[in-house]
Amino acid sequence: MADALARTEAELRAVVESDEPFLTEVARHLIDAGGKRVRPALTVTAAQVLDSEPGTATTDVVRGGVTSSWYRDPWWTNSTGCAERKRPLGKPRGHPGR
């Protein structure tokens, strides 16, 4: 597992490299802030549990975990079913007078 997490860290840093130094700096800030590691770790763990012969995580598993770390759940939930909403996006539920 430690090897897969180290490879995940290297892959996270590799995917944010840009020809534009400012973009690389901004993207690295997101990684250095400590996020973007839970979903990859869960992906590696799930692959190990479901593999008939667990061992070293494959490159595909590590890259799949890194890819999953960039998804933003609220975007998915807020963008689906907007036409059926009875309240505007961003308006809290259960707050009287709002």
PDB file of N, CA and C in Angstrom:
ATOM      1  N   MET A   1       0.824  -1.194   0.000  1.00  0.00           N
ATOM      2  CA  MET A   1       0.000   0.000   0.000  1.00  0.00           C
ATOM      3  C   MET A   1       0.869   1.259   0.000  1.00  0.00           C
ATOM      4  N   ALA A   2       1.946   1.241   0.752  1.00  0.00           N
ATOM      5  CA  ALA A   2       2.818   2.419   0.818  1.00  0.00           C
ATOM      6  C   ALA A   2       3.408   2.733  -0.555  1.00  0.00           C
ATOM      7  N   ASP A   3       3.758   1.675  -1.303  1.00  0.00           N
ATOM      8  CA  ASP A   3       4.291   1.880  -2.649  1.00  0.00           C
ATOM      9  C   ASP A   3       3.238   2.523  -3.545  1.00  0.00           C
ATOM     10  N   ALA A   4       2.003   2.062  -3.464  1.00  0.00           N
ATOM     11  CA  ALA A   4       0.924   2.619  -4.299  1.00  0.00           C
ATOM     12  C   ALA A   4       0.662   4.075  -3.939  1.00  0.00           C
ATOM     13  N   LEU A   5       0.726   4.404  -2.662  1.00  0.00           N
ATOM     14  CA  LEU A   5       0.500   5.794  -2.251  1.00  0.00           C
ATOM     15  C   LEU A   5       1.644   6.702  -2.705  1.00  0.00           C
ATOM     16  N   ALA A   6       2.866   6.188  -2.686  1.00  0.00           N
ATOM     17  CA  ALA A   6       4.004   6.968  -3.186  1.00  0.00           C
ATOM     18  C   ALA A   6       3.874   7.189  -4.691  1.00  0.00           C
ATOM     19  N   ARG A   7       3.431   6.165  -5.409  1.00  0.00           N
ATOM     20  CA  ARG A   7       3.216   6.308  -6.853  1.00  0.00           C
ATOM     21  C   ARG A   7       2.057   7.253  -7.138  1.00  0.00           C
ATOM     22  N   THR A   8       1.047   7.231  -6.265  1.00  0.00           N
ATOM     23  CA  THR A   8      -0.076   8.159  -6.406  1.00  0.00           C
ATOM     24  C   THR A   8       0.403   9.593  -6.242  1.00  0.00           C
ATOM     25  N   GLU A   9       1.233   9.821  -5.251  1.00  0.00           N
ATOM     26  CA  GLU A   9       1.788  11.170  -5.019  1.00  0.00           C
ATOM     27  C   GLU A   9       2.558  11.649  -6.247  1.00  0.00           C
ATOM     28  N   ALA A  10       3.387  10.783  -6.807  1.00  0.00           N
ATOM     29  CA  ALA A  10       4.160  11.151  -7.998  1.00  0.00           C
ATOM     30  C   ALA A  10       3.233  11.425  -9.182  1.00  0.00           C
ATOM     31  N   GLU A  11       2.200  10.630  -9.330  1.00  0.00           N
ATOM     32  CA  GLU A  11       1.257  10.820 -10.437  1.00  0.00           C
ATOM     33  C   GLU A  11       0.456  12.108 -10.269  1.00  0.00           C
ATOM     34  N   LEU A  12       0.056  12.419  -9.031  1.00  0.00           N
ATOM     35  CA  LEU A  12      -0.655  13.676  -8.776  1.00  0.00           C
ATOM     36  C   LEU A  12       0.182  14.870  -9.225  1.00  0.00           C
ATOM     37  N   ARG A  13       1.460  14.824  -8.905  1.00  0.00           N
ATOM     38  CA  ARG A  13       2.347  15.930  -9.279  1.00  0.00           C
ATOM     39  C   ARG A  13       2.601  15.960 -10.786  1.00  0.00           C
ATOM     40  N   ALA A  14       2.644  14.803 -11.421  1.00  0.00           N
ATOM     41  CA  ALA A  14       2.908  14.749 -12.857  1.00  0.00           C
ATOM     42  C   ALA A  14       1.740  15.294 -13.673  1.00  0.00           C
ATOM     43  N   VAL A  15       0.519  15.013 -13.232  1.00  0.00           N
ATOM     44  CA  VAL A  15      -0.636  15.422 -14.042  1.00  0.00           C
ATOM     45  C   VAL A  15      -0.904  16.921 -13.992  1.00  0.00           C
ATOM     46  N   VAL A  16      -0.304  17.630 -13.058  1.00  0.00           N
ATOM     47  CA  VAL A  16      -0.542  19.077 -12.991  1.00  0.00           C
ATOM     48  C   VAL A  16       0.577  19.886 -13.634  1.00  0.00           C
ATOM     49  N   GLU A  17       1.555  19.201 -14.214  1.00  0.00           N
ATOM     50  CA  GLU A  17       2.626  19.899 -14.918  1.00  0.00           C
ATOM     51  C   GLU A  17       2.063  20.579 -16.155  1.00  0.00           C
ATOM     52  N   SER A  18       2.455  21.810 -16.377  1.00  0.00           N
ATOM     53  CA  SER A  18       1.993  22.579 -17.518  1.00  0.00           C
ATOM     54  C   SER A  18       3.170  23.322 -18.138  1.00  0.00           C
ATOM     55  N   ASP A  19       3.026  23.648 -19.409  1.00  0.00           N
ATOM     56  CA  ASP A  19       4.045  24.484 -20.048  1.00  0.00           C
ATOM     57  C   ASP A  19       4.015  25.904 -19.486  1.00  0.00           C
ATOM     58  N   GLU A  20       2.899  26.242 -18.881  1.00  0.00           N
ATOM     59  CA  GLU A  20       2.719  27.563 -18.277  1.00  0.00           C
ATOM     60  C   GLU A  20       3.042  27.459 -16.779  1.00  0.00           C
ATOM     61  N   PRO A  21       4.155  28.006 -16.323  1.00  0.00           N
ATOM     62  CA  PRO A  21       4.572  27.860 -14.924  1.00  0.00           C
ATOM     63  C   PRO A  21       3.507  28.298 -13.909  1.00  0.00           C
ATOM     64  N   PHE A  22       2.768  29.352 -14.221  1.00  0.00           N
ATOM     65  CA  PHE A  22       1.747  29.836 -13.285  1.00  0.00           C
ATOM     66  C   PHE A  22       0.666  28.773 -13.059  1.00  0.00           C
ATOM     67  N   LEU A  23       0.242  28.101 -14.128  1.00  0.00           N
ATOM     68  CA  LEU A  23      -0.775  27.053 -13.987  1.00  0.00           C
ATOM     69  C   LEU A  23      -0.260  25.893 -13.138  1.00  0.00           C
ATOM     70  N   THR A  24       0.985  25.527 -13.355  1.00  0.00           N
ATOM     71  CA  THR A  24       1.583  24.469 -12.542  1.00  0.00           C
ATOM     72  C   THR A  24       1.619  24.874 -11.077  1.00  0.00           C
ATOM     73  N   GLU A  25       1.984  26.111 -10.810  1.00  0.00           N
ATOM     74  CA  GLU A  25       2.053  26.607  -9.431  1.00  0.00           C
ATOM     75  C   GLU A  25       0.682  26.576  -8.759  1.00  0.00           C
ATOM     76  N   VAL A  26      -0.344  27.016  -9.467  1.00  0.00           N
ATOM     77  CA  VAL A  26      -1.699  27.030  -8.906  1.00  0.00           C
ATOM     78  C   VAL A  26      -2.174  25.611  -8.639  1.00  0.00           C
ATOM     79  N   ALA A  27      -1.959  24.723  -9.593  1.00  0.00           N
ATOM     80  CA  ALA A  27      -2.399  23.340  -9.424  1.00  0.00           C
ATOM     81  C   ALA A  27      -1.636  22.647  -8.301  1.00  0.00           C
ATOM     82  N   ARG A  28      -0.353  22.922  -8.194  1.00  0.00           N
ATOM     83  CA  ARG A  28       0.436  22.328  -7.105  1.00  0.00           C
ATOM     84  C   ARG A  28      -0.036  22.812  -5.745  1.00  0.00           C
ATOM     85  N   HIS A  29      -0.525  24.037  -5.705  1.00  0.00           N
ATOM     86  CA  HIS A  29      -1.055  24.561  -4.453  1.00  0.00           C
ATOM     87  C   HIS A  29      -2.198  23.678  -3.946  1.00  0.00           C
ATOM     88  N   LEU A  30      -3.061  23.235  -4.850  1.00  0.00           N
ATOM     89  CA  LEU A  30      -4.171  22.345  -4.464  1.00  0.00           C
ATOM     90  C   LEU A  30      -3.649  21.041  -3.883  1.00  0.00           C
ATOM     91  N   ILE A  31      -2.616  20.512  -4.485  1.00  0.00           N
ATOM     92  CA  ILE A  31      -2.048  19.253  -4.004  1.00  0.00           C
ATOM     93  C   ILE A  31      -1.304  19.463  -2.693  1.00  0.00           C
ATOM     94  N   ASP A  32      -0.493  20.515  -2.621  1.00  0.00           N
ATOM     95  CA  ASP A  32       0.297  20.774  -1.415  1.00  0.00           C
ATOM     96  C   ASP A  32      -0.574  21.136  -0.218  1.00  0.00           C
ATOM     97  N   ALA A  33      -1.800  21.579  -0.477  1.00  0.00           N
ATOM     98  CA  ALA A  33      -2.705  21.932   0.616  1.00  0.00           C
ATOM     99  C   ALA A  33      -3.177  20.691   1.373  1.00  0.00           C
ATOM    100  N   GLY A  34      -2.878  19.521   0.849  1.00  0.00           N
ATOM    101  CA  GLY A  34      -3.175  18.299   1.584  1.00  0.00           C
ATOM    102  C   GLY A  34      -4.362  17.516   1.066  1.00  0.00           C
ATOM    103  N   GLY A  35      -5.050  18.022   0.084  1.00  0.00           N
ATOM    104  CA  GLY A  35      -6.191  17.285  -0.445  1.00  0.00           C
ATOM    105  C   GLY A  35      -5.800  16.354  -1.573  1.00  0.00           C
ATOM    106  N   LYS A  36      -6.788  15.788  -2.198  1.00  0.00           N
ATOM    107  CA  LYS A  36      -6.631  14.974  -3.401  1.00  0.00           C
ATOM    108  C   LYS A  36      -6.005  13.611  -3.153  1.00  0.00           C
ATOM    109  N   ARG A  37      -6.077  13.079  -1.938  1.00  0.00           N
ATOM    110  CA  ARG A  37      -5.455  11.786  -1.684  1.00  0.00           C
ATOM    111  C   ARG A  37      -6.414  10.722  -1.171  1.00  0.00           C
ATOM    112  N   VAL A  38      -7.572  11.113  -0.693  1.00  0.00           N
ATOM    113  CA  VAL A  38      -8.503  10.138  -0.120  1.00  0.00           C
ATOM    114  C   VAL A  38      -9.063   9.222  -1.201  1.00  0.00           C
ATOM    115  N   ARG A  39      -9.590   9.784  -2.272  1.00  0.00           N
ATOM    116  CA  ARG A  39     -10.175   8.954  -3.333  1.00  0.00           C
ATOM    117  C   ARG A  39      -9.143   8.027  -3.964  1.00  0.00           C
ATOM    118  N   PRO A  40      -7.920   8.503  -4.265  1.00  0.00           N
ATOM    119  CA  PRO A  40      -6.930   7.556  -4.786  1.00  0.00           C
ATOM    120  C   PRO A  40      -6.635   6.412  -3.808  1.00  0.00           C
ATOM    121  N   ALA A  41      -6.541   6.728  -2.526  1.00  0.00           N
ATOM    122  CA  ALA A  41      -6.277   5.681  -1.535  1.00  0.00           C
ATOM    123  C   ALA A  41      -7.431   4.678  -1.479  1.00  0.00           C
ATOM    124  N   LEU A  42      -8.658   5.174  -1.569  1.00  0.00           N
ATOM    125  CA  LEU A  42      -9.813   4.276  -1.576  1.00  0.00           C
ATOM    126  C   LEU A  42      -9.836   3.420  -2.842  1.00  0.00           C
ATOM    127  N   THR A  43      -9.439   3.995  -3.960  1.00  0.00           N
ATOM    128  CA  THR A  43      -9.381   3.241  -5.215  1.00  0.00           C
ATOM    129  C   THR A  43      -8.366   2.115  -5.119  1.00  0.00           C
ATOM    130  N   VAL A  44      -7.191   2.410  -4.594  1.00  0.00           N
ATOM    131  CA  VAL A  44      -6.155   1.390  -4.432  1.00  0.00           C
ATOM    132  C   VAL A  44      -6.620   0.311  -3.465  1.00  0.00           C
ATOM    133  N   THR A  45      -7.232   0.722  -2.358  1.00  0.00           N
ATOM    134  CA  THR A  45      -7.720  -0.238  -1.374  1.00  0.00           C
ATOM    135  C   THR A  45      -8.784  -1.145  -1.970  1.00  0.00           C
ATOM    136  N   ALA A  46      -9.735  -0.566  -2.695  1.00  0.00           N
ATOM    137  CA  ALA A  46     -10.788  -1.362  -3.321  1.00  0.00           C
ATOM    138  C   ALA A  46     -10.198  -2.354  -4.324  1.00  0.00           C
ATOM    139  N   ALA A  47      -9.226  -1.910  -5.093  1.00  0.00           N
ATOM    140  CA  ALA A  47      -8.591  -2.801  -6.067  1.00  0.00           C
ATOM    141  C   ALA A  47      -7.895  -3.962  -5.363  1.00  0.00           C
ATOM    142  N   GLN A  48      -7.258  -3.677  -4.233  1.00  0.00           N
ATOM    143  CA  GLN A  48      -6.585  -4.731  -3.486  1.00  0.00           C
ATOM    144  C   GLN A  48      -7.585  -5.732  -2.902  1.00  0.00           C
ATOM    145  N   VAL A  49      -8.691  -5.226  -2.405  1.00  0.00           N
ATOM    146  CA  VAL A  49      -9.708  -6.093  -1.811  1.00  0.00           C
ATOM    147  C   VAL A  49     -10.371  -6.967  -2.879  1.00  0.00           C
ATOM    148  N   LEU A  50     -10.629  -6.395  -4.032  1.00  0.00           N
ATOM    149  CA  LEU A  50     -11.355  -7.109  -5.076  1.00  0.00           C
ATOM    150  C   LEU A  50     -10.463  -7.969  -5.972  1.00  0.00           C
ATOM    151  N   ASP A  51      -9.167  -7.775  -5.902  1.00  0.00           N
ATOM    152  CA  ASP A  51      -8.248  -8.552  -6.733  1.00  0.00           C
ATOM    153  C   ASP A  51      -8.127  -9.968  -6.180  1.00  0.00           C
ATOM    154  N   SER A  52      -8.186 -10.962  -7.068  1.00  0.00           N
ATOM    155  CA  SER A  52      -8.088 -12.353  -6.608  1.00  0.00           C
ATOM    156  C   SER A  52      -6.691 -12.664  -6.079  1.00  0.00           C
ATOM    157  N   GLU A  53      -5.686 -11.947  -6.577  1.00  0.00           N
ATOM    158  CA  GLU A  53      -4.322 -12.101  -6.086  1.00  0.00           C
ATOM    159  C   GLU A  53      -3.742 -10.716  -5.796  1.00  0.00           C
ATOM    160  N   PRO A  54      -4.094 -10.144  -4.630  1.00  0.00           N
ATOM    161  CA  PRO A  54      -3.627  -8.787  -4.330  1.00  0.00           C
ATOM    162  C   PRO A  54      -2.104  -8.709  -4.307  1.00  0.00           C
ATOM    163  N   GLY A  55      -1.618  -7.624  -4.785  1.00  0.00           N
ATOM    164  CA  GLY A  55      -0.183  -7.379  -4.804  1.00  0.00           C
ATOM    165  C   GLY A  55       0.041  -5.903  -5.019  1.00  0.00           C
ATOM    166  N   THR A  56       0.999  -5.585  -5.840  1.00  0.00           N
ATOM    167  CA  THR A  56       1.275  -4.193  -6.162  1.00  0.00           C
ATOM    168  C   THR A  56       0.158  -3.649  -7.043  1.00  0.00           C
ATOM    169  N   ALA A  57      -0.312  -2.472  -6.719  1.00  0.00           N
ATOM    170  CA  ALA A  57      -1.367  -1.838  -7.519  1.00  0.00           C
ATOM    171  C   ALA A  57      -0.837  -1.550  -8.912  1.00  0.00           C
ATOM    172  N   THR A  58      -1.662  -1.837  -9.907  1.00  0.00           N
ATOM    173  CA  THR A  58      -1.243  -1.585 -11.287  1.00  0.00           C
ATOM    174  C   THR A  58      -1.220  -0.081 -11.569  1.00  0.00           C
ATOM    175  N   THR A  59      -0.563   0.277 -12.645  1.00  0.00           N
ATOM    176  CA  THR A  59      -0.523   1.677 -13.061  1.00  0.00           C
ATOM    177  C   THR A  59      -1.927   2.183 -13.353  1.00  0.00           C
ATOM    178  N   ASP A  60      -2.765   1.335 -13.946  1.00  0.00           N
ATOM    179  CA  ASP A  60      -4.148   1.735 -14.239  1.00  0.00           C
ATOM    180  C   ASP A  60      -4.920   2.061 -12.963  1.00  0.00           C
ATOM    181  N   VAL A  61      -4.709   1.292 -11.909  1.00  0.00           N
ATOM    182  CA  VAL A  61      -5.391   1.553 -10.637  1.00  0.00           C
ATOM    183  C   VAL A  61      -4.930   2.886 -10.060  1.00  0.00           C
ATOM    184  N   VAL A  62      -3.632   3.121 -10.065  1.00  0.00           N
ATOM    185  CA  VAL A  62      -3.092   4.386  -9.527  1.00  0.00           C
ATOM    186  C   VAL A  62      -3.619   5.568 -10.337  1.00  0.00           C
ATOM    187  N   ARG A  63      -3.579   5.464 -11.654  1.00  0.00           N
ATOM    188  CA  ARG A  63      -4.058   6.567 -12.491  1.00  0.00           C
ATOM    189  C   ARG A  63      -5.568   6.755 -12.349  1.00  0.00           C
ATOM    190  N   GLY A  64      -6.299   5.659 -12.207  1.00  0.00           N
ATOM    191  CA  GLY A  64      -7.743   5.781 -11.985  1.00  0.00           C
ATOM    192  C   GLY A  64      -8.041   6.498 -10.680  1.00  0.00           C
ATOM    193  N   GLY A  65      -7.269   6.199  -9.642  1.00  0.00           N
ATOM    194  CA  GLY A  65      -7.445   6.890  -8.369  1.00  0.00           C
ATOM    195  C   GLY A  65      -7.129   8.363  -8.470  1.00  0.00           C
ATOM    196  N   VAL A  66      -6.050   8.693  -9.180  1.00  0.00           N
ATOM    197  CA  VAL A  66      -5.680  10.100  -9.363  1.00  0.00           C
ATOM    198  C   VAL A  66      -6.771  10.824 -10.145  1.00  0.00           C
ATOM    199  N   THR A  67      -7.284  10.180 -11.184  1.00  0.00           N
ATOM    200  CA  THR A  67      -8.354  10.783 -11.976  1.00  0.00           C
ATOM    201  C   THR A  67      -9.576  11.051 -11.113  1.00  0.00           C
ATOM    202  N   SER A  68      -9.917  10.097 -10.252  1.00  0.00           N
ATOM    203  CA  SER A  68     -11.108  10.273  -9.400  1.00  0.00           C
ATOM    204  C   SER A  68     -10.938  11.412  -8.412  1.00  0.00           C
ATOM    205  N   SER A  69      -9.701  11.754  -8.079  1.00  0.00           N
ATOM    206  CA  SER A  69      -9.481  12.816  -7.092  1.00  0.00           C
ATOM    207  C   SER A  69      -9.848  14.194  -7.622  1.00  0.00           C
ATOM    208  N   TRP A  70      -9.958  14.343  -8.941  1.00  0.00           N
ATOM    209  CA  TRP A  70     -10.254  15.650  -9.522  1.00  0.00           C
ATOM    210  C   TRP A  70     -11.729  15.868  -9.775  1.00  0.00           C
ATOM    211  N   TYR A  71     -12.567  14.850  -9.533  1.00  0.00           N
ATOM    212  CA  TYR A  71     -14.012  15.045  -9.695  1.00  0.00           C
ATOM    213  C   TYR A  71     -14.549  15.884  -8.547  1.00  0.00           C
ATOM    214  N   ARG A  72     -15.524  16.680  -8.835  1.00  0.00           N
ATOM    215  CA  ARG A  72     -16.125  17.555  -7.817  1.00  0.00           C
ATOM    216  C   ARG A  72     -17.577  17.139  -7.644  1.00  0.00           C
ATOM    217  N   ASP A  73     -17.879  16.447  -6.552  1.00  0.00           N
ATOM    218  CA  ASP A  73     -19.223  15.923  -6.327  1.00  0.00           C
ATOM    219  C   ASP A  73     -20.329  16.971  -6.359  1.00  0.00           C
ATOM    220  N   PRO A  74     -20.178  18.118  -5.699  1.00  0.00           N
ATOM    221  CA  PRO A  74     -21.281  19.088  -5.744  1.00  0.00           C
ATOM    222  C   PRO A  74     -21.643  19.514  -7.163  1.00  0.00           C
ATOM    223  N   TRP A  75     -20.654  19.546  -8.057  1.00  0.00           N
ATOM    224  CA  TRP A  75     -20.969  19.901  -9.436  1.00  0.00           C
ATOM    225  C   TRP A  75     -21.927  18.882 -10.020  1.00  0.00           C
ATOM    226  N   TRP A  76     -21.662  17.605  -9.775  1.00  0.00           N
ATOM    227  CA  TRP A  76     -22.533  16.561 -10.320  1.00  0.00           C
ATOM    228  C   TRP A  76     -23.927  16.658  -9.722  1.00  0.00           C
ATOM    229  N   THR A  77     -24.028  16.825  -8.422  1.00  0.00           N
ATOM    230  CA  THR A  77     -25.341  16.847  -7.790  1.00  0.00           C
ATOM    231  C   THR A  77     -26.100  18.128  -8.107  1.00  0.00           C
ATOM    232  N   ASN A  78     -25.403  19.247  -8.238  1.00  0.00           N
ATOM    233  CA  ASN A  78     -26.082  20.509  -8.544  1.00  0.00           C
ATOM    234  C   ASN A  78     -26.480  20.618 -10.008  1.00  0.00           C
ATOM    235  N   SER A  79     -25.770  19.934 -10.883  1.00  0.00           N
ATOM    236  CA  SER A  79     -26.079  20.065 -12.301  1.00  0.00           C
ATOM    237  C   SER A  79     -27.171  19.095 -12.737  1.00  0.00           C
ATOM    238  N   THR A  80     -27.458  18.094 -11.914  1.00  0.00           N
ATOM    239  CA  THR A  80     -28.491  17.130 -12.287  1.00  0.00           C
ATOM    240  C   THR A  80     -29.808  17.531 -11.659  1.00  0.00           C
ATOM    241  N   GLY A  81     -30.836  17.458 -12.421  1.00  0.00           N
ATOM    242  CA  GLY A  81     -32.166  17.744 -11.903  1.00  0.00           C
ATOM    243  C   GLY A  81     -32.444  19.202 -11.645  1.00  0.00           C
ATOM    244  N   CYS A  82     -31.713  20.104 -12.259  1.00  0.00           N
ATOM    245  CA  CYS A  82     -31.929  21.533 -12.010  1.00  0.00           C
ATOM    246  C   CYS A  82     -33.314  21.982 -12.458  1.00  0.00           C
ATOM    247  N   ALA A  83     -33.805  21.386 -13.528  1.00  0.00           N
ATOM    248  CA  ALA A  83     -35.116  21.800 -14.043  1.00  0.00           C
ATOM    249  C   ALA A  83     -36.229  21.470 -13.055  1.00  0.00           C
ATOM    250  N   GLU A  84     -36.042  20.423 -12.264  1.00  0.00           N
ATOM    251  CA  GLU A  84     -37.082  20.009 -11.317  1.00  0.00           C
ATOM    252  C   GLU A  84     -36.963  20.692  -9.957  1.00  0.00           C
ATOM    253  N   ARG A  85     -35.953  21.497  -9.764  1.00  0.00           N
ATOM    254  CA  ARG A  85     -35.747  22.122  -8.453  1.00  0.00           C
ATOM    255  C   ARG A  85     -36.856  23.102  -8.124  1.00  0.00           C
ATOM    256  N   LYS A  86     -37.227  23.083  -6.852  1.00  0.00           N
ATOM    257  CA  LYS A  86     -38.229  24.020  -6.366  1.00  0.00           C
ATOM    258  C   LYS A  86     -37.564  25.203  -5.655  1.00  0.00           C
ATOM    259  N   ARG A  87     -36.259  25.131  -5.475  1.00  0.00           N
ATOM    260  CA  ARG A  87     -35.522  26.215  -4.851  1.00  0.00           C
ATOM    261  C   ARG A  87     -34.294  26.484  -5.709  1.00  0.00           C
ATOM    262  N   PRO A  88     -33.816  27.723  -5.718  1.00  0.00           N
ATOM    263  CA  PRO A  88     -32.631  28.043  -6.518  1.00  0.00           C
ATOM    264  C   PRO A  88     -31.391  27.326  -5.989  1.00  0.00           C
ATOM    265  N   LEU A  89     -30.435  27.074  -6.864  1.00  0.00           N
ATOM    266  CA  LEU A  89     -29.183  26.479  -6.432  1.00  0.00           C
ATOM    267  C   LEU A  89     -28.518  27.377  -5.395  1.00  0.00           C
ATOM    268  N   GLY A  90     -27.916  26.741  -4.419  1.00  0.00           N
ATOM    269  CA  GLY A  90     -27.196  27.486  -3.408  1.00  0.00           C
ATOM    270  C   GLY A  90     -28.050  27.977  -2.260  1.00  0.00           C
ATOM    271  N   LYS A  91     -29.381  27.874  -2.372  1.00  0.00           N
ATOM    272  CA  LYS A  91     -30.251  28.319  -1.294  1.00  0.00           C
ATOM    273  C   LYS A  91     -30.342  27.198  -0.267  1.00  0.00           C
ATOM    274  N   PRO A  92     -30.004  27.476   1.001  1.00  0.00           N
ATOM    275  CA  PRO A  92     -30.008  26.433   2.016  1.00  0.00           C
ATOM    276  C   PRO A  92     -31.410  25.866   2.256  1.00  0.00           C
ATOM    277  N   ARG A  93     -31.448  24.617   2.654  1.00  0.00           N
ATOM    278  CA  ARG A  93     -32.734  23.997   2.994  1.00  0.00           C
ATOM    279  C   ARG A  93     -33.069  24.281   4.452  1.00  0.00           C
ATOM    280  N   GLY A  94     -34.337  24.385   4.714  1.00  0.00           N
ATOM    281  CA  GLY A  94     -34.793  24.453   6.098  1.00  0.00           C
ATOM    282  C   GLY A  94     -34.507  25.748   6.812  1.00  0.00           C
ATOM    283  N   HIS A  95     -34.222  26.803   6.107  1.00  0.00           N
ATOM    284  CA  HIS A  95     -33.982  28.086   6.762  1.00  0.00           C
ATOM    285  C   HIS A  95     -35.194  28.995   6.490  1.00  0.00           C
ATOM    286  N   PRO A  96     -36.003  29.262   7.517  1.00  0.00           N
ATOM    287  CA  PRO A  96     -37.176  30.088   7.293  1.00  0.00           C
ATOM    288  C   PRO A  96     -36.800  31.509   6.878  1.00  0.00           C
ATOM    289  N   GLY A  97     -37.604  32.061   6.034  1.00  0.00           N
ATOM    290  CA  GLY A  97     -37.391  33.438   5.603  1.00  0.00           C
ATOM    291  C   GLY A  97     -36.384  33.594   4.493  1.00  0.00           C
ATOM    292  N   ARG A  98     -35.900  32.506   3.971  1.00  0.00           N
ATOM    293  CA  ARG A  98     -34.923  32.602   2.865  1.00  0.00           C
ATOM    294  C   ARG A  98     -35.515  32.042   1.609  1.00  0.00           C
TER     295      ARG A  98
END
